Amino acid sequence: MSAKKVLVLFGAVTFGASVLVGCGEDGGPAGLR
């Protein structure tokens, strides 16, 4: 598995989790970067 694929997968999981949480400690999806 390439590093880029891992980064994309991790980003998708992180974004998905932040969306599920909604207004979390950082105030939403844009907070996790």
Protein backbone atom coordinates (compact mmCIF):
# COMPACT_ATOMS: atom_id res chain seq x y z
CA MET A 1 0.00 0.00 0.00
CA SER A 2 1.46 3.35 -1.03
CA ALA A 3 1.98 6.22 1.39
CA LYS A 4 -0.37 8.45 -0.59
CA LYS A 5 -3.13 5.86 -0.33
CA VAL A 6 -2.60 5.64 3.42
CA LEU A 7 -2.78 9.43 3.75
CA VAL A 8 -5.96 9.62 1.68
CA LEU A 9 -7.56 6.81 3.68
CA PHE A 10 -6.55 8.40 6.99
CA GLY A 11 -7.88 11.76 5.83
CA ALA A 12 -11.19 10.22 4.80
CA VAL A 13 -11.56 8.42 8.13
CA THR A 14 -10.65 11.56 10.08
CA PHE A 15 -13.05 13.70 8.05
CA GLY A 16 -15.82 11.12 8.40
CA ALA A 17 -15.32 10.94 12.16
CA SER A 18 -15.35 14.73 12.48
CA VAL A 19 -18.57 14.92 10.47
CA LEU A 20 -20.17 12.28 12.70
CA VAL A 21 -19.12 14.21 15.79
CA GLY A 22 -20.46 17.42 14.26
CA CYS A 23 -19.68 20.37 16.49
CA GLY A 24 -16.85 18.77 18.44
CA GLU A 25 -14.11 20.44 20.43
CA ASP A 26 -12.82 22.16 17.27
CA GLY A 27 -16.24 23.17 16.02
CA GLY A 28 -16.64 20.77 13.10
CA PRO A 29 -14.93 19.06 10.17
CA ALA A 30 -12.57 21.96 9.42
CA GLY A 31 -10.99 21.64 12.87
CA LEU A 32 -9.23 18.35 12.11
CA ARG A 33 -6.31 19.12 9.81
